[in-house]
């Protein structure tokens, strides 16, 4: 498939089904880079998000996970 944005296709079953029948469900993942910061800290930088993923809603969902203490170690989110 040709998407206007880049991402990783996760799994093979959906791709096989799409080629076999012309229909299939593809699971896409974002591309993330790890950048070194000062004082031994690291930043996760999302460089590509899957097609039709709303960036502001994604940030809001991550913020909710941090607020609900389901994810820790995040000090800044933009």
PDB file of N, CA and C in Angstrom:
ATOM      1  N   UNK A   1       0.828  -1.198   0.000  1.00  0.00           N
ATOM      2  CA  UNK A   1       0.000   0.000   0.000  1.00  0.00           C
ATOM      3  C   UNK A   1       0.862   1.249   0.000  1.00  0.00           C
ATOM      4  N   UNK A   2       0.306   2.304  -0.501  1.00  0.00           N
ATOM      5  CA  UNK A   2       1.024   3.568  -0.588  1.00  0.00           C
ATOM      6  C   UNK A   2       0.314   4.597   0.283  1.00  0.00           C
ATOM      7  N   UNK A   3       0.948   4.977   1.392  1.00  0.00           N
ATOM      8  CA  UNK A   3       0.387   5.962   2.294  1.00  0.00           C
ATOM      9  C   UNK A   3       1.141   7.278   2.124  1.00  0.00           C
ATOM     10  N   UNK A   4       0.457   8.422   2.289  1.00  0.00           N
ATOM     11  CA  UNK A   4       1.137   9.710   2.132  1.00  0.00           C
ATOM     12  C   UNK A   4       2.123  10.016   3.255  1.00  0.00           C
ATOM     13  N   UNK A   5       2.001   9.334   4.386  1.00  0.00           N
ATOM     14  CA  UNK A   5       2.966   9.493   5.476  1.00  0.00           C
ATOM     15  C   UNK A   5       3.653   8.160   5.701  1.00  0.00           C
ATOM     16  N   UNK A   6       4.780   8.198   6.342  1.00  0.00           N
ATOM     17  CA  UNK A   6       5.530   6.960   6.567  1.00  0.00           C
ATOM     18  C   UNK A   6       5.202   6.396   7.945  1.00  0.00           C
ATOM     19  N   UNK A   7       5.391   5.106   8.089  1.00  0.00           N
ATOM     20  CA  UNK A   7       5.226   4.403   9.358  1.00  0.00           C
ATOM     21  C   UNK A   7       5.682   2.970   9.135  1.00  0.00           C
ATOM     22  N   UNK A   8       5.718   2.191  10.204  1.00  0.00           N
ATOM     23  CA  UNK A   8       6.074   0.781  10.092  1.00  0.00           C
ATOM     24  C   UNK A   8       4.801  -0.047  10.002  1.00  0.00           C
ATOM     25  N   UNK A   9       4.772  -1.004   9.089  1.00  0.00           N
ATOM     26  CA  UNK A   9       3.670  -1.959   9.053  1.00  0.00           C
ATOM     27  C   UNK A   9       3.999  -3.040  10.062  1.00  0.00           C
ATOM     28  N   UNK A  10       3.068  -3.302  10.966  1.00  0.00           N
ATOM     29  CA  UNK A  10       3.268  -4.242  12.061  1.00  0.00           C
ATOM     30  C   UNK A  10       2.514  -5.531  11.753  1.00  0.00           C
ATOM     31  N   UNK A  11       3.229  -6.617  11.648  1.00  0.00           N
ATOM     32  CA  UNK A  11       2.611  -7.906  11.360  1.00  0.00           C
ATOM     33  C   UNK A  11       2.520  -8.172   9.867  1.00  0.00           C
ATOM     34  N   UNK A  12       2.256  -9.421   9.526  1.00  0.00           N
ATOM     35  CA  UNK A  12       2.228  -9.809   8.115  1.00  0.00           C
ATOM     36  C   UNK A  12       0.873 -10.309   7.642  1.00  0.00           C
ATOM     37  N   UNK A  13       0.013 -10.702   8.561  1.00  0.00           N
ATOM     38  CA  UNK A  13      -1.266 -11.300   8.175  1.00  0.00           C
ATOM     39  C   UNK A  13      -2.108 -10.337   7.344  1.00  0.00           C
ATOM     40  N   UNK A  14      -2.169  -9.081   7.728  1.00  0.00           N
ATOM     41  CA  UNK A  14      -2.957  -8.094   6.991  1.00  0.00           C
ATOM     42  C   UNK A  14      -2.423  -7.859   5.596  1.00  0.00           C
ATOM     43  N   UNK A  15      -1.101  -7.868   5.455  1.00  0.00           N
ATOM     44  CA  UNK A  15      -0.488  -7.677   4.139  1.00  0.00           C
ATOM     45  C   UNK A  15      -0.822  -8.861   3.242  1.00  0.00           C
ATOM     46  N   UNK A  16      -0.685 -10.057   3.777  1.00  0.00           N
ATOM     47  CA  UNK A  16      -1.009 -11.260   2.983  1.00  0.00           C
ATOM     48  C   UNK A  16      -2.461 -11.237   2.523  1.00  0.00           C
ATOM     49  N   UNK A  17      -3.353 -10.897   3.437  1.00  0.00           N
ATOM     50  CA  UNK A  17      -4.780 -10.855   3.101  1.00  0.00           C
ATOM     51  C   UNK A  17      -5.062  -9.791   2.042  1.00  0.00           C
ATOM     52  N   UNK A  18      -4.403  -8.643   2.156  1.00  0.00           N
ATOM     53  CA  UNK A  18      -4.601  -7.574   1.169  1.00  0.00           C
ATOM     54  C   UNK A  18      -4.133  -8.004  -0.213  1.00  0.00           C
ATOM     55  N   UNK A  19      -3.007  -8.675  -0.293  1.00  0.00           N
ATOM     56  CA  UNK A  19      -2.517  -9.150  -1.590  1.00  0.00           C
ATOM     57  C   UNK A  19      -3.379 -10.287  -2.140  1.00  0.00           C
ATOM     58  N   UNK A  20      -3.867 -11.144  -1.234  1.00  0.00           N
ATOM     59  CA  UNK A  20      -4.640 -12.295  -1.672  1.00  0.00           C
ATOM     60  C   UNK A  20      -6.047 -11.910  -2.130  1.00  0.00           C
ATOM     61  N   UNK A  21      -6.719 -11.030  -1.368  1.00  0.00           N
ATOM     62  CA  UNK A  21      -8.119 -10.715  -1.650  1.00  0.00           C
ATOM     63  C   UNK A  21      -8.351  -9.284  -2.114  1.00  0.00           C
ATOM     64  N   UNK A  22      -7.355  -8.431  -1.965  1.00  0.00           N
ATOM     65  CA  UNK A  22      -7.551  -7.020  -2.285  1.00  0.00           C
ATOM     66  C   UNK A  22      -8.057  -6.223  -1.097  1.00  0.00           C
ATOM     67  N   UNK A  23      -8.321  -6.905   0.013  1.00  0.00           N
ATOM     68  CA  UNK A  23      -8.780  -6.247   1.237  1.00  0.00           C
ATOM     69  C   UNK A  23      -7.976  -6.804   2.404  1.00  0.00           C
ATOM     70  N   UNK A  24      -7.691  -5.957   3.354  1.00  0.00           N
ATOM     71  CA  UNK A  24      -6.947  -6.417   4.518  1.00  0.00           C
ATOM     72  C   UNK A  24      -6.805  -5.287   5.519  1.00  0.00           C
ATOM     73  N   UNK A  25      -6.504  -5.635   6.735  1.00  0.00           N
ATOM     74  CA  UNK A  25      -6.313  -4.645   7.790  1.00  0.00           C
ATOM     75  C   UNK A  25      -4.830  -4.582   8.114  1.00  0.00           C
ATOM     76  N   UNK A  26      -4.262  -3.396   7.968  1.00  0.00           N
ATOM     77  CA  UNK A  26      -2.846  -3.195   8.263  1.00  0.00           C
ATOM     78  C   UNK A  26      -2.712  -2.443   9.574  1.00  0.00           C
ATOM     79  N   UNK A  27      -1.852  -2.923  10.443  1.00  0.00           N
ATOM     80  CA  UNK A  27      -1.545  -2.229  11.684  1.00  0.00           C
ATOM     81  C   UNK A  27      -0.258  -1.454  11.456  1.00  0.00           C
ATOM     82  N   UNK A  28      -0.311  -0.162  11.733  1.00  0.00           N
ATOM     83  CA  UNK A  28       0.843   0.704  11.516  1.00  0.00           C
ATOM     84  C   UNK A  28       1.356   1.228  12.849  1.00  0.00           C
ATOM     85  N   UNK A  29       2.658   1.425  12.928  1.00  0.00           N
ATOM     86  CA  UNK A  29       3.295   1.993  14.113  1.00  0.00           C
ATOM     87  C   UNK A  29       4.088   3.224  13.721  1.00  0.00           C
ATOM     88  N   UNK A  30       4.216   4.132  14.676  1.00  0.00           N
ATOM     89  CA  UNK A  30       4.998   5.345  14.466  1.00  0.00           C
ATOM     90  C   UNK A  30       6.487   5.015  14.465  1.00  0.00           C
ATOM     91  N   UNK A  31       7.257   5.911  13.890  1.00  0.00           N
ATOM     92  CA  UNK A  31       8.718   5.791  13.925  1.00  0.00           C
ATOM     93  C   UNK A  31       9.224   6.747  15.006  1.00  0.00           C
ATOM     94  N   UNK A  32      10.086   6.229  15.883  1.00  0.00           N
ATOM     95  CA  UNK A  32      10.588   7.003  17.017  1.00  0.00           C
ATOM     96  C   UNK A  32      12.107   6.954  17.023  1.00  0.00           C
ATOM     97  N   UNK A  33      12.720   8.104  17.292  1.00  0.00           N
ATOM     98  CA  UNK A  33      14.176   8.188  17.408  1.00  0.00           C
ATOM     99  C   UNK A  33      14.528   8.559  18.851  1.00  0.00           C
ATOM    100  N   UNK A  34      15.633   8.025  19.346  1.00  0.00           N
ATOM    101  CA  UNK A  34      16.112   8.344  20.692  1.00  0.00           C
ATOM    102  C   UNK A  34      17.252   9.340  20.551  1.00  0.00           C
ATOM    103  N   UNK A  35      17.106  10.492  21.216  1.00  0.00           N
ATOM    104  CA  UNK A  35      18.141  11.528  21.169  1.00  0.00           C
ATOM    105  C   UNK A  35      18.714  11.728  22.568  1.00  0.00           C
ATOM    106  N   UNK A  36      20.021  11.846  22.650  1.00  0.00           N
ATOM    107  CA  UNK A  36      20.688  12.084  23.932  1.00  0.00           C
ATOM    108  C   UNK A  36      20.553  13.554  24.312  1.00  0.00           C
ATOM    109  N   UNK A  37      20.235  13.788  25.579  1.00  0.00           N
ATOM    110  CA  UNK A  37      20.145  15.144  26.115  1.00  0.00           C
ATOM    111  C   UNK A  37      21.258  15.342  27.137  1.00  0.00           C
ATOM    112  N   UNK A  38      21.264  16.481  27.778  1.00  0.00           N
ATOM    113  CA  UNK A  38      22.268  16.750  28.806  1.00  0.00           C
ATOM    114  C   UNK A  38      21.954  15.961  30.072  1.00  0.00           C
ATOM    115  N   UNK A  39      22.932  15.827  30.923  1.00  0.00           N
ATOM    116  CA  UNK A  39      22.821  15.162  32.225  1.00  0.00           C
ATOM    117  C   UNK A  39      22.349  13.710  32.104  1.00  0.00           C
ATOM    118  N   UNK A  40      22.726  13.052  31.016  1.00  0.00           N
ATOM    119  CA  UNK A  40      22.415  11.636  30.854  1.00  0.00           C
ATOM    120  C   UNK A  40      20.962  11.315  30.533  1.00  0.00           C
ATOM    121  N   UNK A  41      20.187  12.320  30.209  1.00  0.00           N
ATOM    122  CA  UNK A  41      18.775  12.092  29.890  1.00  0.00           C
ATOM    123  C   UNK A  41      18.613  11.810  28.404  1.00  0.00           C
ATOM    124  N   UNK A  42      17.491  11.214  28.062  1.00  0.00           N
ATOM    125  CA  UNK A  42      17.198  10.903  26.667  1.00  0.00           C
ATOM    126  C   UNK A  42      15.813  11.418  26.304  1.00  0.00           C
ATOM    127  N   UNK A  43      15.639  11.710  25.026  1.00  0.00           N
ATOM    128  CA  UNK A  43      14.344  12.157  24.512  1.00  0.00           C
ATOM    129  C   UNK A  43      13.878  11.187  23.445  1.00  0.00           C
ATOM    130  N   UNK A  44      12.610  10.840  23.498  1.00  0.00           N
ATOM    131  CA  UNK A  44      11.994  10.053  22.437  1.00  0.00           C
ATOM    132  C   UNK A  44      11.315  11.033  21.490  1.00  0.00           C
ATOM    133  N   UNK A  45      11.743  11.037  20.249  1.00  0.00           N
ATOM    134  CA  UNK A  45      11.212  11.967  19.258  1.00  0.00           C
ATOM    135  C   UNK A  45      10.445  11.164  18.215  1.00  0.00           C
ATOM    136  N   UNK A  46       9.148  11.410  18.131  1.00  0.00           N
ATOM    137  CA  UNK A  46       8.318  10.732  17.139  1.00  0.00           C
ATOM    138  C   UNK A  46       8.504  11.476  15.825  1.00  0.00           C
ATOM    139  N   UNK A  47       9.095  10.788  14.844  1.00  0.00           N
ATOM    140  CA  UNK A  47       9.411  11.439  13.570  1.00  0.00           C
ATOM    141  C   UNK A  47       8.372  11.164  12.492  1.00  0.00           C
ATOM    142  N   UNK A  48       7.633  10.073  12.619  1.00  0.00           N
ATOM    143  CA  UNK A  48       6.601   9.737  11.636  1.00  0.00           C
ATOM    144  C   UNK A  48       5.440   9.083  12.361  1.00  0.00           C
ATOM    145  N   UNK A  49       4.223   9.516  12.041  1.00  0.00           N
ATOM    146  CA  UNK A  49       3.046   8.870  12.607  1.00  0.00           C
ATOM    147  C   UNK A  49       2.225   8.273  11.471  1.00  0.00           C
ATOM    148  N   UNK A  50       1.487   7.218  11.768  1.00  0.00           N
ATOM    149  CA  UNK A  50       0.704   6.569  10.713  1.00  0.00           C
ATOM    150  C   UNK A  50      -0.336   7.498  10.094  1.00  0.00           C
ATOM    151  N   UNK A  51      -0.721   7.163   8.891  1.00  0.00           N
ATOM    152  CA  UNK A  51      -1.732   7.902   8.136  1.00  0.00           C
ATOM    153  C   UNK A  51      -3.025   7.997   8.947  1.00  0.00           C
ATOM    154  N   UNK A  52      -3.617   9.169   8.964  1.00  0.00           N
ATOM    155  CA  UNK A  52      -4.876   9.504   9.628  1.00  0.00           C
ATOM    156  C   UNK A  52      -4.797   9.488  11.151  1.00  0.00           C
ATOM    157  N   UNK A  53      -3.615   9.497  11.731  1.00  0.00           N
ATOM    158  CA  UNK A  53      -3.485   9.657  13.179  1.00  0.00           C
ATOM    159  C   UNK A  53      -3.398  11.149  13.451  1.00  0.00           C
ATOM    160  N   UNK A  54      -4.275  11.635  14.314  1.00  0.00           N
ATOM    161  CA  UNK A  54      -4.320  13.050  14.644  1.00  0.00           C
ATOM    162  C   UNK A  54      -3.254  13.343  15.701  1.00  0.00           C
ATOM    163  N   UNK A  55      -2.328  14.231  15.360  1.00  0.00           N
ATOM    164  CA  UNK A  55      -1.194  14.518  16.245  1.00  0.00           C
ATOM    165  C   UNK A  55      -1.645  15.079  17.594  1.00  0.00           C
ATOM    166  N   UNK A  56      -2.588  16.007  17.599  1.00  0.00           N
ATOM    167  CA  UNK A  56      -3.021  16.606  18.867  1.00  0.00           C
ATOM    168  C   UNK A  56      -3.745  15.587  19.748  1.00  0.00           C
ATOM    169  N   UNK A  57      -4.529  14.696  19.152  1.00  0.00           N
ATOM    170  CA  UNK A  57      -5.197  13.652  19.941  1.00  0.00           C
ATOM    171  C   UNK A  57      -4.183  12.651  20.487  1.00  0.00           C
ATOM    172  N   UNK A  58      -3.147  12.356  19.717  1.00  0.00           N
ATOM    173  CA  UNK A  58      -2.093  11.456  20.177  1.00  0.00           C
ATOM    174  C   UNK A  58      -1.390  12.039  21.397  1.00  0.00           C
ATOM    175  N   UNK A  59      -1.050  13.317  21.339  1.00  0.00           N
ATOM    176  CA  UNK A  59      -0.399  13.988  22.472  1.00  0.00           C
ATOM    177  C   UNK A  59      -1.324  13.986  23.686  1.00  0.00           C
ATOM    178  N   UNK A  60      -2.609  14.226  23.462  1.00  0.00           N
ATOM    179  CA  UNK A  60      -3.586  14.225  24.551  1.00  0.00           C
ATOM    180  C   UNK A  60      -3.689  12.840  25.202  1.00  0.00           C
ATOM    181  N   UNK A  61      -3.684  11.790  24.395  1.00  0.00           N
ATOM    182  CA  UNK A  61      -3.758  10.429  24.931  1.00  0.00           C
ATOM    183  C   UNK A  61      -2.512  10.084  25.748  1.00  0.00           C
ATOM    184  N   UNK A  62      -1.351  10.503  25.271  1.00  0.00           N
ATOM    185  CA  UNK A  62      -0.114  10.260  26.023  1.00  0.00           C
ATOM    186  C   UNK A  62      -0.153  11.026  27.341  1.00  0.00           C
ATOM    187  N   UNK A  63      -0.626  12.276  27.300  1.00  0.00           N
ATOM    188  CA  UNK A  63      -0.729  13.084  28.520  1.00  0.00           C
ATOM    189  C   UNK A  63      -1.671  12.428  29.528  1.00  0.00           C
ATOM    190  N   UNK A  64      -2.763  11.849  29.055  1.00  0.00           N
ATOM    191  CA  UNK A  64      -3.693  11.160  29.955  1.00  0.00           C
ATOM    192  C   UNK A  64      -3.047   9.929  30.588  1.00  0.00           C
ATOM    193  N   UNK A  65      -2.239   9.205  29.826  1.00  0.00           N
ATOM    194  CA  UNK A  65      -1.532   8.046  30.381  1.00  0.00           C
ATOM    195  C   UNK A  65      -0.561   8.470  31.478  1.00  0.00           C
ATOM    196  N   UNK A  66       0.115   9.597  31.262  1.00  0.00           N
ATOM    197  CA  UNK A  66       1.048  10.115  32.270  1.00  0.00           C
ATOM    198  C   UNK A  66       0.270  10.562  33.506  1.00  0.00           C
ATOM    199  N   UNK A  67      -0.827  11.274  33.286  1.00  0.00           N
ATOM    200  CA  UNK A  67      -1.645  11.772  34.396  1.00  0.00           C
ATOM    201  C   UNK A  67      -2.219  10.625  35.230  1.00  0.00           C
ATOM    202  N   UNK A  68      -2.637   9.554  34.571  1.00  0.00           N
ATOM    203  CA  UNK A  68      -3.202   8.394  35.261  1.00  0.00           C
ATOM    204  C   UNK A  68      -2.124   7.459  35.816  1.00  0.00           C
ATOM    205  N   UNK A  69      -0.864   7.859  35.671  1.00  0.00           N
ATOM    206  CA  UNK A  69       0.301   7.112  36.167  1.00  0.00           C
ATOM    207  C   UNK A  69       0.429   5.716  35.554  1.00  0.00           C
ATOM    208  N   UNK A  70      -0.017   5.580  34.316  1.00  0.00           N
ATOM    209  CA  UNK A  70       0.159   4.324  33.591  1.00  0.00           C
ATOM    210  C   UNK A  70       1.495   4.310  32.858  1.00  0.00           C
ATOM    211  N   UNK A  71       2.053   5.502  32.637  1.00  0.00           N
ATOM    212  CA  UNK A  71       3.368   5.666  32.022  1.00  0.00           C
ATOM    213  C   UNK A  71       4.141   6.639  32.900  1.00  0.00           C
ATOM    214  N   UNK A  72       5.380   6.295  33.240  1.00  0.00           N
ATOM    215  CA  UNK A  72       6.171   7.215  34.053  1.00  0.00           C
ATOM    216  C   UNK A  72       7.473   7.566  33.343  1.00  0.00           C
ATOM    217  N   UNK A  73       8.148   8.560  33.859  1.00  0.00           N
ATOM    218  CA  UNK A  73       9.425   8.973  33.292  1.00  0.00           C
ATOM    219  C   UNK A  73       9.315  10.075  32.259  1.00  0.00           C
ATOM    220  N   UNK A  74       8.109  10.524  31.953  1.00  0.00           N
ATOM    221  CA  UNK A  74       7.939  11.599  30.970  1.00  0.00           C
ATOM    222  C   UNK A  74       7.897  12.918  31.718  1.00  0.00           C
ATOM    223  N   UNK A  75       8.812  13.823  31.360  1.00  0.00           N
ATOM    224  CA  UNK A  75       8.868  15.124  32.019  1.00  0.00           C
ATOM    225  C   UNK A  75       8.398  16.256  31.122  1.00  0.00           C
ATOM    226  N   UNK A  76       8.380  16.040  29.816  1.00  0.00           N
ATOM    227  CA  UNK A  76       7.960  17.083  28.882  1.00  0.00           C
ATOM    228  C   UNK A  76       7.289  16.420  27.690  1.00  0.00           C
ATOM    229  N   UNK A  77       6.227  17.038  27.210  1.00  0.00           N
ATOM    230  CA  UNK A  77       5.480  16.496  26.085  1.00  0.00           C
ATOM    231  C   UNK A  77       5.045  17.656  25.206  1.00  0.00           C
ATOM    232  N   UNK A  78       5.470  17.611  23.922  1.00  0.00           N
ATOM    233  CA  UNK A  78       5.084  18.683  22.993  1.00  0.00           C
ATOM    234  C   UNK A  78       4.701  18.103  21.662  1.00  0.00           C
TER     235      UNK A  78
END
